[in-house]
C-alpha atoms as a PDB file:
ATOM      1  CA  MET A   1      27.027 -11.393  11.253  1.00  0.00           C
ATOM      2  CA  SER A   2      24.190 -13.754  11.925  1.00  0.00           C
ATOM      3  CA  ALA A   3      21.370 -13.137  14.371  1.00  0.00           C
ATOM      4  CA  LYS A   4      23.689 -14.583  16.991  1.00  0.00           C
ATOM      5  CA  GLY A   5      26.444 -12.155  16.048  1.00  0.00           C
ATOM      6  CA  GLU A   6      28.523 -14.666  14.100  1.00  0.00           C
ATOM      7  CA  GLU A   7      30.370 -13.624  10.947  1.00  0.00           C
ATOM      8  CA  HIS A   8      29.807 -15.472   7.691  1.00  0.00           C
ATOM      9  CA  GLU A   9      32.332 -15.053   4.882  1.00  0.00           C
ATOM     10  CA  GLY A  10      32.999 -11.374   5.578  1.00  0.00           C
ATOM     11  CA  ALA A  11      29.372 -10.265   5.130  1.00  0.00           C
ATOM     12  CA  ALA A  12      27.352  -8.623   7.853  1.00  0.00           C
ATOM     13  CA  VAL A  13      23.719  -9.602   8.203  1.00  0.00           C
ATOM     14  CA  THR A  14      21.340  -7.484  10.204  1.00  0.00           C
ATOM     15  CA  LEU A  15      17.921  -8.833  11.057  1.00  0.00           C
ATOM     16  CA  THR A  16      15.140  -6.367  11.623  1.00  0.00           C
ATOM     17  CA  GLU A  17      11.544  -6.940  12.480  1.00  0.00           C
ATOM     18  CA  THR A  18       8.972  -5.486  10.141  1.00  0.00           C
ATOM     19  CA  ALA A  19       5.301  -5.041  10.771  1.00  0.00           C
ATOM     20  CA  ALA A  20       2.869  -7.067   8.752  1.00  0.00           C
ATOM     21  CA  PRO A  21       1.080  -5.009   6.111  1.00  0.00           C
ATOM     22  CA  SER A  22      -2.120  -3.428   7.352  1.00  0.00           C
ATOM     23  CA  VAL A  23      -5.517  -3.851   5.736  1.00  0.00           C
ATOM     24  CA  ALA A  24      -5.109  -0.343   4.289  1.00  0.00           C
ATOM     25  CA  ASP A  25      -1.717  -1.265   2.822  1.00  0.00           C
ATOM     26  CA  ILE A  26      -3.154  -4.367   1.186  1.00  0.00           C
ATOM     27  CA  ALA A  27      -6.125  -2.404  -0.179  1.00  0.00           C
ATOM     28  CA  PHE A  28      -3.743   0.198  -1.625  1.00  0.00           C
ATOM     29  CA  ILE A  29      -1.567  -2.436  -3.292  1.00  0.00           C
ATOM     30  CA  THR A  30      -4.655  -4.164  -4.651  1.00  0.00           C
ATOM     31  CA  ALA A  31      -5.912  -0.860  -6.090  1.00  0.00           C
ATOM     32  CA  GLN A  32      -2.543  -0.312  -7.780  1.00  0.00           C
ATOM     33  CA  THR A  33      -2.646  -3.812  -9.248  1.00  0.00           C
ATOM     34  CA  GLU A  34      -6.196  -3.340 -10.521  1.00  0.00           C
ATOM     35  CA  LEU A  35      -5.193  -0.067 -12.184  1.00  0.00           C
ATOM     36  CA  SER A  36      -2.287  -1.795 -13.881  1.00  0.00           C
ATOM     37  CA  LYS A  37      -4.603  -4.515 -15.189  1.00  0.00           C
ATOM     38  CA  ALA A  38      -7.122  -1.934 -16.388  1.00  0.00           C
ATOM     39  CA  MET A  39      -4.402  -0.011 -18.215  1.00  0.00           C
ATOM     40  CA  GLU A  40      -3.255  -3.184 -19.959  1.00  0.00           C
ATOM     41  CA  SER A  41      -6.825  -3.870 -21.090  1.00  0.00           C
ATOM     42  CA  LYS A  42      -7.162  -0.278 -22.390  1.00  0.00           C
ATOM     43  CA  ASP A  43     -10.740  -0.253 -21.091  1.00  0.00           C
ATOM     44  CA  ALA A  44     -11.474   3.407 -20.325  1.00  0.00           C
ATOM     45  CA  ALA A  45     -14.312   2.643 -17.911  1.00  0.00           C
ATOM     46  CA  ALA A  46     -12.180   0.157 -15.964  1.00  0.00           C
ATOM     47  CA  ILE A  47      -9.284   2.637 -15.849  1.00  0.00           C
ATOM     48  CA  LYS A  48     -11.569   5.372 -14.532  1.00  0.00           C
ATOM     49  CA  GLN A  49     -13.010   3.074 -11.881  1.00  0.00           C
ATOM     50  CA  SER A  50      -9.531   1.892 -10.881  1.00  0.00           C
ATOM     51  CA  LEU A  51      -8.262   5.461 -10.609  1.00  0.00           C
ATOM     52  CA  ASN A  52     -11.198   6.375  -8.378  1.00  0.00           C
ATOM     53  CA  GLU A  53     -10.451   3.416  -6.099  1.00  0.00           C
ATOM     54  CA  LEU A  54      -6.743   4.236  -5.990  1.00  0.00           C
ATOM     55  CA  LEU A  55      -7.523   7.864  -5.065  1.00  0.00           C
ATOM     56  CA  LYS A  56      -9.765   6.604  -2.267  1.00  0.00           C
ATOM     57  CA  GLN A  57      -6.953   4.368  -0.967  1.00  0.00           C
ATOM     58  CA  TYR A  58      -4.425   7.246  -1.170  1.00  0.00           C
ATOM     59  CA  LYS A  59      -6.729   9.418   0.919  1.00  0.00           C
ATOM     60  CA  ILE A  60      -7.126   6.685   3.520  1.00  0.00           C
ATOM     61  CA  LEU A  61      -3.357   6.166   3.792  1.00  0.00           C
ATOM     62  CA  VAL A  62      -2.676   9.897   4.010  1.00  0.00           C
ATOM     63  CA  SER A  63      -5.286  10.343   6.720  1.00  0.00           C
ATOM     64  CA  GLN A  64      -3.741   7.464   8.671  1.00  0.00           C
ATOM     65  CA  LEU A  65      -0.276   8.977   8.334  1.00  0.00           C
ATOM     66  CA  GLU A  66      -1.647  12.277   9.595  1.00  0.00           C
ATOM     67  CA  GLY A  67      -3.310  10.487  12.492  1.00  0.00           C
ATOM     68  CA  ILE A  68      -6.838  11.141  11.294  1.00  0.00           C
ATOM     69  CA  GLU A  69      -9.046   8.134  10.764  1.00  0.00           C
ATOM     70  CA  PRO A  70     -11.446   8.548   7.823  1.00  0.00           C
ATOM     71  CA  THR A  71     -15.089   9.067   8.721  1.00  0.00           C
ATOM     72  CA  SER A  72     -18.252   8.911   6.705  1.00  0.00           C
ATOM     73  CA  LYS A  73     -18.159  12.730   6.393  1.00  0.00           C
ATOM     74  CA  SER A  74     -14.590  12.768   5.048  1.00  0.00           C
ATOM     75  CA  ASP A  75     -15.424   9.936   2.638  1.00  0.00           C
ATOM     76  CA  ARG A  76     -18.344  11.764   1.030  1.00  0.00           C
ATOM     77  CA  PHE A  77     -16.074  13.100  -1.718  1.00  0.00           C
ATOM     78  CA  LEU A  78     -14.684   9.658  -2.585  1.00  0.00           C
END
């Protein structure tokens, strides 16, 4: 079915709205990409730095999922 409810060659199509990625989502994806690049380069310092950034982004996403916005106190371990 199309958005108007019309059928097309026996297949059903359902349109759903999705939210645009948040700044935190983009930062997390960027951190994952940077880690991948660092691993390809086999640069230990870059890998360590990328892992630290990815951990920071994980903590931010988890705190958002739990409904707790990160504060300067909760970031002191990052």
